[in-house]
Structures are given as structure tokens and as C-alpha cells.
Amino acid sequence: MRFRPAVAADLPHLIDMLLEAYNWGGVERFTADQLASDDHAWRYVDGWPRAGEFGVVAEVDGRRAGAVWARLLPEDRPGYGYVADDVPELSIGVLPEFRGQGVGRALLDEVIAAARNAGYKRLSLSVEPENRAAGLYRSLGFEVAGRNGGSDTMVLAL
């Protein structure tokens, strides 16, 4: 497994990974067209990357396997896991054939290290409690800080 910073040219991959995140558990909640037309969903990739944002792409045998990225979404256009303007919100997706192999954990380890190096004090994310990934987030130290609709907002103190 190899990691590299996510760059503007990775936008199509980030969109694919956002679809994986929204369609967790094999249930199609969004198509690519629906994702692009939903303002709240699209803000996770729109204009990627902006100043202060960062991400990591995982590659296995030269193939993109997943990605995690951190966005600074403002209070007037928040994400589902919004905490504060200075708290990056994470999005993560792993292709189905690479799940259960440690790709997600490794991606999170990489992005957490990048956030610390950039001087951020916290990270946030949103996850539905039934999603297996919620256990992964808890194991890395994320704690539930609130609720938005049917999803928990989780925060990691760095």
C-alpha cells in the first residue's frame, strides 16, 4: 500500500469515494448525478482543494483503493459533521474490493498525522451509527459530539 497527497487531479476519484461513503453498506442512496445535484453532498468536493484543505489517496498495486480528505466548510455552508470553521471535516471512501484490509485505518492514520503537522487541534466527521466505520472511528479516538439528523457528529482531539 502506498500513500500520496490528494491533489486537484484526484477530484474524479474523490467523487467516486464520496459515492462509496454515501452508499455505505451496499445500499444505493445516491447516484453520481444525484450527488452532483445535491448542494449539501456536493460541498464535500466542490472546488477541491481550497487553502488549508488536505487529503490522502491510497494505492494498492498501482490502483487507487481509497481516499480521505479534509474540508474547511464554513458555518453558513456546513457539512453534516460541522463543528467550527477551523475544524476540518473528513470524508473517506474505500473501494469495496479493498475493504476489510486496513486501507481505511491506514488512510485515517495518514490524514490525522497531516492534520497534526498542519497545526489543527481537532477533526470532525459524520457517520450513521449503523455504519461499520463508526467502530473504526471510535477505535482511533473519535467521540460523539452531537447529532445531525440520523448521523452522529464525531470529533477527534489532536
C-alpha atoms as a PDB file:
ATOM      1  CA  MET A   1       0.000   0.000   0.000  1.00  0.00           C
ATOM      2  CA  ARG A   2       1.283   3.422  -0.944  1.00  0.00           C
ATOM      3  CA  PHE A   3       0.006   6.831   0.117  1.00  0.00           C
ATOM      4  CA  ARG A   4       0.285  10.201  -1.543  1.00  0.00           C
ATOM      5  CA  PRO A   5      -1.284  13.617  -1.060  1.00  0.00           C
ATOM      6  CA  ALA A   6      -4.622  14.171  -2.786  1.00  0.00           C
ATOM      7  CA  VAL A   7      -4.362  16.869  -5.458  1.00  0.00           C
ATOM      8  CA  ALA A   8      -6.808  18.666  -7.764  1.00  0.00           C
ATOM      9  CA  ALA A   9      -6.376  15.973 -10.439  1.00  0.00           C
ATOM     10  CA  ASP A  10      -7.800  13.441  -7.947  1.00  0.00           C
ATOM     11  CA  LEU A  11     -11.221  15.123  -7.967  1.00  0.00           C
ATOM     12  CA  PRO A  12     -12.890  12.327 -10.038  1.00  0.00           C
ATOM     13  CA  HIS A  13     -11.546   9.757  -7.563  1.00  0.00           C
ATOM     14  CA  LEU A  14     -12.752  11.820  -4.592  1.00  0.00           C
ATOM     15  CA  ILE A  15     -16.206  11.981  -6.161  1.00  0.00           C
ATOM     16  CA  ASP A  16     -16.167   8.185  -6.548  1.00  0.00           C
ATOM     17  CA  MET A  17     -15.082   7.820  -2.910  1.00  0.00           C
ATOM     18  CA  LEU A  18     -17.810  10.214  -1.775  1.00  0.00           C
ATOM     19  CA  LEU A  19     -20.310   7.975  -3.550  1.00  0.00           C
ATOM     20  CA  GLU A  20     -18.861   4.988  -1.690  1.00  0.00           C
ATOM     21  CA  ALA A  21     -19.259   6.874   1.594  1.00  0.00           C
ATOM     22  CA  TYR A  22     -22.857   7.873   0.891  1.00  0.00           C
ATOM     23  CA  ASN A  23     -23.738   4.393  -0.378  1.00  0.00           C
ATOM     24  CA  TRP A  24     -22.191   2.518   2.546  1.00  0.00           C
ATOM     25  CA  GLY A  25     -23.424  -0.976   3.269  1.00  0.00           C
ATOM     26  CA  GLY A  26     -24.147  -1.664  -0.395  1.00  0.00           C
ATOM     27  CA  VAL A  27     -27.329   0.429  -0.389  1.00  0.00           C
ATOM     28  CA  GLU A  28     -27.532   2.947  -3.209  1.00  0.00           C
ATOM     29  CA  ARG A  29     -28.664   6.199  -1.649  1.00  0.00           C
ATOM     30  CA  PHE A  30     -27.168   8.424  -4.356  1.00  0.00           C
ATOM     31  CA  THR A  31     -26.225   8.073  -7.992  1.00  0.00           C
ATOM     32  CA  ALA A  32     -23.404  10.206  -9.389  1.00  0.00           C
ATOM     33  CA  ASP A  33     -25.970  12.576 -10.930  1.00  0.00           C
ATOM     34  CA  GLN A  34     -27.884  12.912  -7.662  1.00  0.00           C
ATOM     35  CA  LEU A  35     -24.663  13.601  -5.776  1.00  0.00           C
ATOM     36  CA  ALA A  36     -23.696  16.355  -8.220  1.00  0.00           C
ATOM     37  CA  SER A  37     -27.123  17.990  -7.989  1.00  0.00           C
ATOM     38  CA  ASP A  38     -27.385  17.880  -4.179  1.00  0.00           C
ATOM     39  CA  ASP A  39     -25.763  21.040  -2.784  1.00  0.00           C
ATOM     40  CA  HIS A  40     -25.181  19.580   0.659  1.00  0.00           C
ATOM     41  CA  ALA A  41     -23.463  16.477  -0.700  1.00  0.00           C
ATOM     42  CA  TRP A  42     -21.551  18.294  -3.435  1.00  0.00           C
ATOM     43  CA  ARG A  43     -19.907  20.734  -0.999  1.00  0.00           C
ATOM     44  CA  TYR A  44     -17.601  17.895   0.078  1.00  0.00           C
ATOM     45  CA  VAL A  45     -15.866  18.000  -3.314  1.00  0.00           C
ATOM     46  CA  ASP A  46     -16.836  21.342  -4.889  1.00  0.00           C
ATOM     47  CA  GLY A  47     -13.725  23.374  -5.701  1.00  0.00           C
ATOM     48  CA  TRP A  48     -11.301  20.802  -4.249  1.00  0.00           C
ATOM     49  CA  PRO A  49      -8.767  21.717  -2.922  1.00  0.00           C
ATOM     50  CA  ARG A  50      -9.049  25.116  -1.273  1.00  0.00           C
ATOM     51  CA  ALA A  51      -6.476  26.745   1.019  1.00  0.00           C
ATOM     52  CA  GLY A  52      -5.974  24.757   4.215  1.00  0.00           C
ATOM     53  CA  GLU A  53      -7.528  21.573   2.850  1.00  0.00           C
ATOM     54  CA  PHE A  54      -5.629  18.319   2.526  1.00  0.00           C
ATOM     55  CA  GLY A  55      -6.153  14.675   1.752  1.00  0.00           C
ATOM     56  CA  VAL A  56      -4.536  11.323   1.110  1.00  0.00           C
ATOM     57  CA  VAL A  57      -5.009   8.761  -1.655  1.00  0.00           C
ATOM     58  CA  ALA A  58      -4.210   5.088  -1.050  1.00  0.00           C
ATOM     59  CA  GLU A  59      -2.904   2.986  -3.911  1.00  0.00           C
ATOM     60  CA  VAL A  60      -2.580  -0.782  -3.932  1.00  0.00           C
ATOM     61  CA  ASP A  61      -0.594  -2.358  -6.766  1.00  0.00           C
ATOM     62  CA  GLY A  62      -0.731   0.954  -8.652  1.00  0.00           C
ATOM     63  CA  ARG A  63      -4.524   1.182  -8.375  1.00  0.00           C
ATOM     64  CA  ARG A  64      -6.410   3.788  -6.350  1.00  0.00           C
ATOM     65  CA  ALA A  65      -8.028   1.956  -3.452  1.00  0.00           C
ATOM     66  CA  GLY A  66      -9.463   4.800  -1.401  1.00  0.00           C
ATOM     67  CA  ALA A  67      -9.093   8.350  -0.237  1.00  0.00           C
ATOM     68  CA  VAL A  68      -9.663  10.583   2.748  1.00  0.00           C
ATOM     69  CA  TRP A  69      -9.804  14.360   2.609  1.00  0.00           C
ATOM     70  CA  ALA A  70     -10.385  17.236   4.988  1.00  0.00           C
ATOM     71  CA  ARG A  71     -12.532  20.244   4.089  1.00  0.00           C
ATOM     72  CA  LEU A  72     -12.943  23.534   5.889  1.00  0.00           C
ATOM     73  CA  LEU A  73     -16.658  24.083   5.476  1.00  0.00           C
ATOM     74  CA  PRO A  74     -17.961  27.382   6.887  1.00  0.00           C
ATOM     75  CA  GLU A  75     -20.850  27.852   9.296  1.00  0.00           C
ATOM     76  CA  ASP A  76     -23.018  29.367   6.550  1.00  0.00           C
ATOM     77  CA  ARG A  77     -22.444  26.288   4.333  1.00  0.00           C
ATOM     78  CA  PRO A  78     -21.658  23.492   6.785  1.00  0.00           C
ATOM     79  CA  GLY A  79     -21.182  19.805   6.278  1.00  0.00           C
ATOM     80  CA  TYR A  80     -23.116  17.168   8.175  1.00  0.00           C
ATOM     81  CA  GLY A  81     -20.266  16.898  10.701  1.00  0.00           C
ATOM     82  CA  TYR A  82     -19.704  20.635  11.099  1.00  0.00           C
ATOM     83  CA  VAL A  83     -18.211  21.685  14.448  1.00  0.00           C
ATOM     84  CA  ALA A  84     -16.490  25.023  13.775  1.00  0.00           C
ATOM     85  CA  ASP A  85     -14.947  26.912  10.873  1.00  0.00           C
ATOM     86  CA  ASP A  86     -11.432  25.934  11.996  1.00  0.00           C
ATOM     87  CA  VAL A  87     -12.178  22.208  12.382  1.00  0.00           C
ATOM     88  CA  PRO A  88     -11.644  20.246   9.163  1.00  0.00           C
ATOM     89  CA  GLU A  89     -14.367  17.726   8.370  1.00  0.00           C
ATOM     90  CA  LEU A  90     -13.249  14.394   6.975  1.00  0.00           C
ATOM     91  CA  SER A  91     -14.734  12.391   4.132  1.00  0.00           C
ATOM     92  CA  ILE A  92     -13.441   8.899   3.447  1.00  0.00           C
ATOM     93  CA  GLY A  93     -14.188   6.173   0.952  1.00  0.00           C
ATOM     94  CA  VAL A  94     -12.636   2.799   0.182  1.00  0.00           C
ATOM     95  CA  LEU A  95     -13.491   0.714  -2.869  1.00  0.00           C
ATOM     96  CA  PRO A  96     -15.422  -2.442  -1.907  1.00  0.00           C
ATOM     97  CA  GLU A  97     -12.688  -4.836  -3.025  1.00  0.00           C
ATOM     98  CA  PHE A  98     -10.213  -3.195  -0.631  1.00  0.00           C
ATOM     99  CA  ARG A  99     -12.430  -3.055   2.461  1.00  0.00           C
ATOM    100  CA  GLY A 100     -11.516  -5.099   5.500  1.00  0.00           C
ATOM    101  CA  GLN A 101      -7.811  -4.953   4.616  1.00  0.00           C
ATOM    102  CA  GLY A 102      -6.774  -1.995   6.774  1.00  0.00           C
ATOM    103  CA  VAL A 103      -6.961   0.600   3.981  1.00  0.00           C
ATOM    104  CA  GLY A 104      -9.443   2.819   5.837  1.00  0.00           C
ATOM    105  CA  ARG A 105      -7.475   2.733   9.098  1.00  0.00           C
ATOM    106  CA  ALA A 106      -4.218   3.463   7.288  1.00  0.00           C
ATOM    107  CA  LEU A 107      -5.802   6.380   5.401  1.00  0.00           C
ATOM    108  CA  LEU A 108      -7.120   7.822   8.661  1.00  0.00           C
ATOM    109  CA  ASP A 109      -3.726   7.441  10.336  1.00  0.00           C
ATOM    110  CA  GLU A 110      -2.157   9.372   7.451  1.00  0.00           C
ATOM    111  CA  VAL A 111      -4.716  12.205   7.448  1.00  0.00           C
ATOM    112  CA  ILE A 112      -4.591  12.525  11.252  1.00  0.00           C
ATOM    113  CA  ALA A 113      -0.807  12.920  11.062  1.00  0.00           C
ATOM    114  CA  ALA A 114      -1.211  15.521   8.293  1.00  0.00           C
ATOM    115  CA  ALA A 115      -3.735  17.454  10.400  1.00  0.00           C
ATOM    116  CA  ARG A 116      -1.381  17.480  13.386  1.00  0.00           C
ATOM    117  CA  ASN A 117       1.506  18.627  11.187  1.00  0.00           C
ATOM    118  CA  ALA A 118      -0.687  21.430   9.827  1.00  0.00           C
ATOM    119  CA  GLY A 119      -1.440  22.587  13.368  1.00  0.00           C
ATOM    120  CA  TYR A 120      -5.122  21.668  13.548  1.00  0.00           C
ATOM    121  CA  LYS A 121      -6.467  20.915  17.029  1.00  0.00           C
ATOM    122  CA  ARG A 122      -9.481  18.798  16.072  1.00  0.00           C
ATOM    123  CA  LEU A 123     -11.018  16.841  13.204  1.00  0.00           C
ATOM    124  CA  SER A 124     -14.681  16.014  12.717  1.00  0.00           C
ATOM    125  CA  LEU A 125     -16.789  13.684  10.621  1.00  0.00           C
ATOM    126  CA  SER A 126     -20.341  12.464  10.284  1.00  0.00           C
ATOM    127  CA  VAL A 127     -21.372   8.821  10.369  1.00  0.00           C
ATOM    128  CA  GLU A 128     -24.580   6.900  10.750  1.00  0.00           C
ATOM    129  CA  PRO A 129     -24.312   4.764  13.916  1.00  0.00           C
ATOM    130  CA  GLU A 130     -25.163   1.585  11.986  1.00  0.00           C
ATOM    131  CA  ASN A 131     -22.183   2.058   9.653  1.00  0.00           C
ATOM    132  CA  ARG A 132     -19.294  -0.319  10.483  1.00  0.00           C
ATOM    133  CA  ALA A 133     -16.924   2.611  10.061  1.00  0.00           C
ATOM    134  CA  ALA A 134     -18.283   4.139  13.292  1.00  0.00           C
ATOM    135  CA  GLY A 135     -16.394   1.461  15.241  1.00  0.00           C
ATOM    136  CA  LEU A 136     -13.202   2.275  13.367  1.00  0.00           C
ATOM    137  CA  TYR A 137     -13.575   5.957  14.191  1.00  0.00           C
ATOM    138  CA  ARG A 138     -14.150   5.182  17.888  1.00  0.00           C
ATOM    139  CA  SER A 139     -11.064   2.944  17.930  1.00  0.00           C
ATOM    140  CA  LEU A 140      -8.990   5.896  16.682  1.00  0.00           C
ATOM    141  CA  GLY A 141     -10.281   8.172  19.447  1.00  0.00           C
ATOM    142  CA  PHE A 142     -13.178   9.955  17.744  1.00  0.00           C
ATOM    143  CA  GLU A 143     -16.002  10.702  20.167  1.00  0.00           C
ATOM    144  CA  VAL A 144     -19.638  11.529  19.506  1.00  0.00           C
ATOM    145  CA  ALA A 145     -20.087  15.275  19.960  1.00  0.00           C
ATOM    146  CA  GLY A 146     -23.607  15.713  18.586  1.00  0.00           C
ATOM    147  CA  ARG A 147     -26.231  14.519  16.188  1.00  0.00           C
ATOM    148  CA  ASN A 148     -27.365  15.816  12.804  1.00  0.00           C
ATOM    149  CA  GLY A 149     -30.477  14.057  11.557  1.00  0.00           C
ATOM    150  CA  GLY A 150     -29.763  10.318  11.661  1.00  0.00           C
ATOM    151  CA  SER A 151     -25.984  10.718  11.862  1.00  0.00           C
ATOM    152  CA  ASP A 152     -23.534  11.246  14.683  1.00  0.00           C
ATOM    153  CA  THR A 153     -21.018  14.051  14.531  1.00  0.00           C
ATOM    154  CA  MET A 154     -17.743  12.675  15.837  1.00  0.00           C
ATOM    155  CA  VAL A 155     -14.700  14.691  16.874  1.00  0.00           C
ATOM    156  CA  LEU A 156     -11.072  13.735  17.385  1.00  0.00           C
ATOM    157  CA  ALA A 157      -8.981  15.950  19.633  1.00  0.00           C
ATOM    158  CA  LEU A 158      -5.467  16.178  18.243  1.00  0.00           C
END
